[in-house]
């Protein structure tokens, strides 16, 4: 049975069974010829899908719609969707995805091409693959030079806070003490603060689940003394660009090394480990799910070659190894 057109009000619809599948939908047009063409295209696609499998008809646009409906991150999708449009997913190869990233970001770094081109494009296709609509795809990313981001230290924090306005001081202390991302910190509202329990609930974001963090006394006191302004979040600023100029001005006034707010997350990880906390606990406290990422990216070594002197300053706590051999019996004279 082929699809049959019928009119409902001024809009044409079609219905019927194609390749054993019941179809009923609107053509979204009042033009009968356009509606007939839409019905014919859907009928052709359904038969092709039946004979050759779903991968024979799945377009990138359809895969992207599925990805969006699943609530996945959409930040970089528009330009990628405009590039591929109705290209069949089966015709998209790893080399084509890398070329797409170069085309979309001709002057960008390899890191940007990976983050804004390759990764989201691959994610859309692999999301469709999870529904068995196409094969999974693997794309080798462009080589990048890993930038070492210096971590906050307590000395840096103290110098910064002496010259910072109250909200910026509280924001910086909060990031350093909890490992919060700057986006998470800026999302905190007064309703998330429990001064009595010394905690703040960090709302759920695209990067992480919500979590409750403890406020050490210094951070608690600084936040408690902040003025509560109407329609403003706890740390006053809504976006990073709102305090960018003020941030740089404080650093210049303090005469300290320039760092970004994200260095506070590095500082949290490094300080926790240097204070003897095990990696799993430190990662949990800072909201990391991937301990390998935590160790490789956020934990910084103390670059001091004289630290091996601690070997001789540390009491020996290990017992001498015990031989598993039984003692030989000795005869009596």
Protein backbone atom coordinates (compact mmCIF):
# COMPACT_ATOMS: atom_id res chain seq x y z
CA UNK A 1 0.00 0.00 0.00
CA UNK A 2 1.52 3.34 -1.03
CA UNK A 3 1.06 6.61 0.81
CA UNK A 4 -2.25 8.35 0.19
CA UNK A 5 -2.75 12.11 0.32
CA UNK A 6 -5.64 13.67 2.17
CA UNK A 7 -6.52 17.23 3.07
CA UNK A 8 -7.23 18.43 6.58
CA UNK A 9 -8.29 22.04 6.59
CA UNK A 10 -5.84 23.77 4.26
CA UNK A 11 -2.91 21.44 4.97
CA UNK A 12 -2.16 18.19 3.13
CA UNK A 13 -1.32 15.01 5.02
CA UNK A 14 -0.41 11.48 3.92
CA UNK A 15 -0.76 8.03 5.42
CA UNK A 16 -0.25 4.42 4.53
CA UNK A 17 2.04 1.43 5.02
CA UNK A 18 5.45 1.18 3.36
CA UNK A 19 7.71 -1.87 3.80
CA UNK A 20 5.60 -2.98 6.73
CA UNK A 21 5.83 0.33 8.54
CA UNK A 22 2.75 2.43 9.25
CA UNK A 23 3.30 6.09 8.33
CA UNK A 24 1.01 9.00 9.07
CA UNK A 25 2.16 12.61 9.10
CA UNK A 26 1.60 16.12 7.85
CA UNK A 27 3.21 17.39 4.65
CA UNK A 28 3.14 20.87 6.24
CA UNK A 29 2.01 22.53 3.02
CA UNK A 30 -1.20 23.63 1.34
CA UNK A 31 0.25 22.86 -2.11
CA UNK A 32 -0.86 19.41 -3.26
CA UNK A 33 2.03 18.97 -5.69
CA UNK A 34 4.61 19.68 -3.00
CA UNK A 35 2.81 17.32 -0.62
CA UNK A 36 2.81 14.56 -3.25
CA UNK A 37 6.53 15.00 -3.80
CA UNK A 38 7.23 14.84 -0.06
CA UNK A 39 5.18 11.65 0.24
CA UNK A 40 7.03 10.08 -2.70
CA UNK A 41 10.44 10.93 -1.20
CA UNK A 42 9.49 9.40 2.15
CA UNK A 43 8.13 6.30 0.45
CA UNK A 44 11.35 5.87 -1.54
CA UNK A 45 13.45 6.34 1.56
CA UNK A 46 11.44 3.80 3.55
CA UNK A 47 11.81 1.15 0.84
CA UNK A 48 15.53 1.82 0.55
CA UNK A 49 15.91 1.60 4.30
CA UNK A 50 14.04 -1.72 4.30
CA UNK A 51 16.27 -3.28 1.63
CA UNK A 52 19.66 -1.68 2.33
CA UNK A 53 19.47 -0.85 6.03
CA UNK A 54 19.01 2.47 7.88
CA UNK A 55 22.53 3.64 7.05
CA UNK A 56 21.52 3.89 3.40
CA UNK A 57 19.17 6.81 4.09
CA UNK A 58 20.42 8.43 7.31
CA UNK A 59 21.54 12.00 6.66
CA UNK A 60 23.76 14.07 8.90
CA UNK A 61 20.88 16.51 9.44
CA UNK A 62 18.71 13.67 10.78
CA UNK A 63 21.51 12.43 13.03
CA UNK A 64 22.01 15.97 14.36
CA UNK A 65 18.29 16.30 15.15
CA UNK A 66 18.44 13.04 17.15
CA UNK A 67 21.50 14.32 18.97
CA UNK A 68 19.79 17.59 19.90
CA UNK A 69 16.60 15.83 21.05
CA UNK A 70 18.71 13.68 23.37
CA UNK A 71 19.75 16.85 25.21
CA UNK A 72 23.38 16.71 24.14
CA UNK A 73 25.64 19.81 24.08
CA UNK A 74 24.80 22.04 21.10
CA UNK A 75 27.38 24.82 21.43
CA UNK A 76 29.30 24.17 18.18
CA UNK A 77 26.69 22.31 16.12
CA UNK A 78 25.24 25.06 13.89
CA UNK A 79 28.29 25.48 11.65
CA UNK A 80 28.83 21.72 11.43
CA UNK A 81 25.20 21.11 10.43
CA UNK A 82 25.38 23.85 7.80
CA UNK A 83 28.50 22.19 6.38
CA UNK A 84 27.14 18.64 6.02
CA UNK A 85 23.39 19.37 5.64
CA UNK A 86 21.74 16.32 4.01
CA UNK A 87 24.95 14.42 3.29
CA UNK A 88 24.48 10.72 3.98
CA UNK A 89 26.30 9.73 7.14
CA UNK A 90 27.75 6.69 5.40
CA UNK A 91 29.55 9.04 2.99
CA UNK A 92 31.25 11.01 5.77
CA UNK A 93 34.79 9.74 6.31
CA UNK A 94 37.37 10.63 8.99
CA UNK A 95 39.45 12.54 6.44
CA UNK A 96 36.37 14.53 5.45
CA UNK A 97 35.70 15.48 9.07
CA UNK A 98 39.26 16.76 9.48
CA UNK A 99 38.95 18.77 6.29
CA UNK A 100 35.64 20.16 7.55
CA UNK A 101 37.38 21.41 10.70
CA UNK A 102 40.02 23.16 8.60
CA UNK A 103 37.36 24.70 6.35
CA UNK A 104 35.26 25.97 9.26
CA UNK A 105 38.23 27.27 11.26
CA UNK A 106 40.97 28.17 8.74
CA UNK A 107 42.93 30.43 11.11
CA UNK A 108 42.30 28.55 14.35
CA UNK A 109 44.68 26.40 16.33
CA UNK A 110 44.57 22.62 16.11
CA UNK A 111 43.12 22.52 19.61
CA UNK A 112 40.18 24.66 18.46
CA UNK A 113 39.64 22.52 15.36
CA UNK A 114 39.55 19.43 17.55
CA UNK A 115 37.23 20.92 20.16
CA UNK A 116 34.81 22.79 17.90
CA UNK A 117 34.94 20.63 14.77
CA UNK A 118 36.07 17.04 15.09
CA UNK A 119 34.74 16.19 18.55
CA UNK A 120 31.11 17.39 18.11
CA UNK A 121 30.87 15.99 14.57
CA UNK A 122 32.11 12.60 15.72
CA UNK A 123 29.75 12.73 18.71
CA UNK A 124 26.69 13.21 16.46
CA UNK A 125 27.56 10.23 14.26
CA UNK A 126 28.42 7.96 17.17
CA UNK A 127 25.19 8.90 18.94
CA UNK A 128 23.29 7.63 15.89
CA UNK A 129 25.50 4.53 15.89
CA UNK A 130 24.34 3.71 19.41
CA UNK A 131 20.84 3.31 17.94
CA UNK A 132 22.29 0.99 15.26
CA UNK A 133 21.54 3.49 12.50
CA UNK A 134 25.14 3.63 11.23
CA UNK A 135 28.62 2.37 12.12
CA UNK A 136 30.72 4.12 14.75
CA UNK A 137 33.42 6.43 13.48
CA UNK A 138 36.87 7.22 14.84
CA UNK A 139 38.72 10.36 13.83
CA UNK A 140 42.36 10.99 14.61
CA UNK A 141 42.61 14.47 16.03
CA UNK A 142 45.09 17.13 15.03
CA UNK A 143 48.29 17.19 17.03
CA UNK A 144 48.38 19.87 19.69
CA UNK A 145 50.97 21.30 22.01
CA UNK A 146 49.85 20.87 25.57
CA UNK A 147 49.90 24.19 27.39
CA UNK A 148 50.96 24.03 31.00
CA UNK A 149 48.59 26.18 33.02
CA UNK A 150 50.24 27.36 36.27
CA UNK A 151 48.27 26.66 39.45
CA UNK A 152 47.20 29.13 42.09
CA UNK A 153 49.24 29.03 45.27
CA UNK A 154 48.19 30.36 48.65
CA UNK A 155 50.82 33.12 48.35
CA UNK A 156 49.39 34.16 44.96
CA UNK A 157 45.86 34.13 46.40
CA UNK A 158 46.85 36.28 49.38
CA UNK A 159 48.50 38.89 47.14
CA UNK A 160 45.55 38.94 44.75
CA UNK A 161 42.93 39.28 47.49
CA UNK A 162 44.70 42.26 49.08
CA UNK A 163 43.90 44.29 45.94
CA UNK A 164 40.60 42.70 44.82
CA UNK A 165 37.08 44.08 45.37
CA UNK A 166 34.87 41.93 47.68
CA UNK A 167 33.02 39.92 45.00
CA UNK A 168 36.17 39.13 43.04
CA UNK A 169 38.01 38.18 46.23
CA UNK A 170 35.20 35.81 47.23
CA UNK A 171 35.02 34.32 43.74
CA UNK A 172 38.77 33.63 43.65
CA UNK A 173 38.84 32.10 47.12
CA UNK A 174 35.83 29.93 46.29
CA UNK A 175 37.42 28.52 43.12
CA UNK A 176 40.71 27.81 44.88
CA UNK A 177 39.03 26.17 47.91
CA UNK A 178 36.56 23.97 46.01
CA UNK A 179 38.02 23.32 42.57
CA UNK A 180 34.90 24.80 40.99
CA UNK A 181 34.96 25.71 37.32
CA UNK A 182 34.46 29.41 36.68
CA UNK A 183 31.15 28.66 34.91
CA UNK A 184 29.97 26.72 37.98
CA UNK A 185 30.95 29.50 40.37
CA UNK A 186 29.18 32.18 38.35
CA UNK A 187 25.98 30.07 38.36
CA UNK A 188 25.74 30.00 42.17
CA UNK A 189 22.69 31.87 43.52
CA UNK A 190 22.00 32.83 47.12
CA UNK A 191 19.41 30.07 47.35
CA UNK A 192 22.28 27.58 46.91
CA UNK A 193 24.17 28.92 49.93
CA UNK A 194 23.76 27.40 53.41
CA UNK A 195 25.92 29.48 55.76
CA UNK A 196 24.79 27.48 58.79
CA UNK A 197 25.99 24.20 57.25
CA UNK A 198 29.03 25.90 55.67
CA UNK A 199 28.11 24.54 52.24
CA UNK A 200 27.19 25.68 48.75
CA UNK A 201 25.30 23.61 46.21
CA UNK A 202 26.93 24.01 42.80
CA UNK A 203 24.13 23.69 40.21
CA UNK A 204 24.27 21.10 37.47
CA UNK A 205 26.00 22.26 34.30
CA UNK A 206 26.73 20.86 30.84
CA UNK A 207 30.10 19.73 32.14
CA UNK A 208 29.18 18.15 35.46
CA UNK A 209 26.46 17.05 37.84
CA UNK A 210 25.45 19.22 40.76
CA UNK A 211 27.48 18.77 43.92
CA UNK A 212 27.71 20.18 47.42
CA UNK A 213 31.02 21.74 48.49
CA UNK A 214 32.27 22.67 51.93
CA UNK A 215 33.33 26.25 52.69
CA UNK A 216 36.49 26.60 54.80
CA UNK A 217 36.24 29.37 57.45
CA UNK A 218 38.08 32.01 55.40
CA UNK A 219 35.86 31.45 52.37
CA UNK A 220 32.72 31.27 54.50
CA UNK A 221 33.46 34.60 56.17
CA UNK A 222 34.19 36.32 52.86
CA UNK A 223 30.94 35.10 51.27
CA UNK A 224 28.87 35.88 54.38
CA UNK A 225 30.00 39.52 54.22
CA UNK A 226 29.04 40.00 50.57
CA UNK A 227 26.09 42.34 49.90
CA UNK A 228 23.02 40.61 48.47
CA UNK A 229 22.03 42.48 45.34
CA UNK A 230 18.69 41.99 43.60
CA UNK A 231 18.77 39.62 40.62
CA UNK A 232 22.50 39.13 40.99
CA UNK A 233 24.28 35.80 41.65
CA UNK A 234 26.37 35.33 44.77
CA UNK A 235 29.60 36.43 43.11
CA UNK A 236 27.88 39.33 41.32
CA UNK A 237 29.31 38.62 37.85
CA UNK A 238 27.24 36.66 35.32
CA UNK A 239 29.90 36.09 32.67
CA UNK A 240 33.68 35.88 32.65
CA UNK A 241 33.90 38.91 30.37
CA UNK A 242 32.15 40.99 33.06
CA UNK A 243 35.25 40.96 35.27
CA UNK A 244 38.01 40.41 32.71
CA UNK A 245 39.40 43.97 32.87
CA UNK A 246 39.08 44.13 36.65
CA UNK A 247 40.89 40.77 36.98
CA UNK A 248 43.88 42.00 34.99
CA UNK A 249 43.93 45.30 36.89
CA UNK A 250 44.14 43.48 40.24
CA UNK A 251 47.02 41.31 39.00
CA UNK A 252 48.93 44.40 37.87
CA UNK A 253 48.29 46.16 41.16
CA UNK A 254 49.46 43.12 43.13
CA UNK A 255 52.57 42.68 40.96
CA UNK A 256 52.00 38.94 40.59
CA UNK A 257 52.16 36.49 37.70
CA UNK A 258 49.17 36.64 35.36
CA UNK A 259 46.87 33.65 35.65
CA UNK A 260 43.31 32.94 34.55
CA UNK A 261 40.49 31.91 36.90
CA UNK A 262 40.82 28.33 35.62
CA UNK A 263 44.24 28.19 37.28
CA UNK A 264 42.29 28.03 40.53
CA UNK A 265 41.07 24.56 39.59
CA UNK A 266 44.67 23.55 38.90
CA UNK A 267 45.66 25.09 42.23
CA UNK A 268 43.01 23.11 44.10
CA UNK A 269 44.18 19.80 42.60
CA UNK A 270 47.86 20.48 43.18
CA UNK A 271 47.46 21.80 46.72
CA UNK A 272 45.25 18.87 47.77
CA UNK A 273 47.81 16.34 46.56
CA UNK A 274 50.74 18.21 48.09
CA UNK A 275 48.87 18.25 51.40
CA UNK A 276 48.73 14.46 51.37
CA UNK A 277 45.22 13.78 50.05
CA UNK A 278 45.01 10.71 47.84
CA UNK A 279 44.14 11.31 44.15
CA UNK A 280 40.72 9.62 44.33
CA UNK A 281 39.60 11.76 47.25
CA UNK A 282 40.98 14.97 45.75
CA UNK A 283 39.28 14.26 42.41
CA UNK A 284 35.97 13.55 44.15
CA UNK A 285 36.14 16.75 46.18
CA UNK A 286 36.82 18.81 43.06
CA UNK A 287 34.13 17.20 40.92
CA UNK A 288 36.38 15.21 38.56
CA UNK A 289 35.03 11.88 37.32
CA UNK A 290 38.14 10.94 35.37
CA UNK A 291 41.08 10.45 37.72
CA UNK A 292 43.48 10.03 34.81
CA UNK A 293 42.51 13.48 33.48
CA UNK A 294 42.82 14.85 37.00
CA UNK A 295 46.37 13.56 37.37
CA UNK A 296 47.63 14.27 33.86
CA UNK A 297 46.15 17.75 33.41
CA UNK A 298 45.46 19.34 36.78
CA UNK A 299 48.04 17.91 39.18
CA UNK A 300 51.36 19.79 39.01
CA UNK A 301 54.65 18.55 40.36
CA UNK A 302 56.79 20.60 42.75
CA UNK A 303 59.76 21.32 40.53
CA UNK A 304 62.51 21.34 43.12
CA UNK A 305 65.38 18.92 42.56
CA UNK A 306 66.47 19.15 46.21
CA UNK A 307 63.31 17.45 47.48
CA UNK A 308 65.07 14.08 47.46
CA UNK A 309 66.76 15.20 50.68
CA UNK A 310 63.48 14.25 52.38
CA UNK A 311 64.49 10.61 51.95
CA UNK A 312 67.05 10.95 54.74
CA UNK A 313 64.85 13.15 56.91
CA UNK A 314 62.01 10.60 56.99
CA UNK A 315 62.07 7.91 59.70
CA UNK A 316 62.30 4.36 58.35
CA UNK A 317 58.98 2.66 58.87
CA UNK A 318 59.43 -0.44 56.73
CA UNK A 319 60.49 -3.69 58.34
CA UNK A 320 63.44 -5.58 57.02
CA UNK A 321 62.37 -8.32 54.62
CA UNK A 322 61.86 -11.68 56.26
CA UNK A 323 63.21 -14.75 54.48
CA UNK A 324 60.65 -17.39 53.64
CA UNK A 325 63.25 -20.14 53.97
CA UNK A 326 63.16 -22.23 57.12
CA UNK A 327 66.26 -22.02 59.31
CA UNK A 328 68.62 -24.93 59.01
CA UNK A 329 68.91 -27.22 61.97
CA UNK A 330 72.36 -27.30 63.48
CA UNK A 331 73.74 -30.34 65.25
CA UNK A 332 75.04 -30.37 68.83
CA UNK A 333 78.61 -31.27 69.56
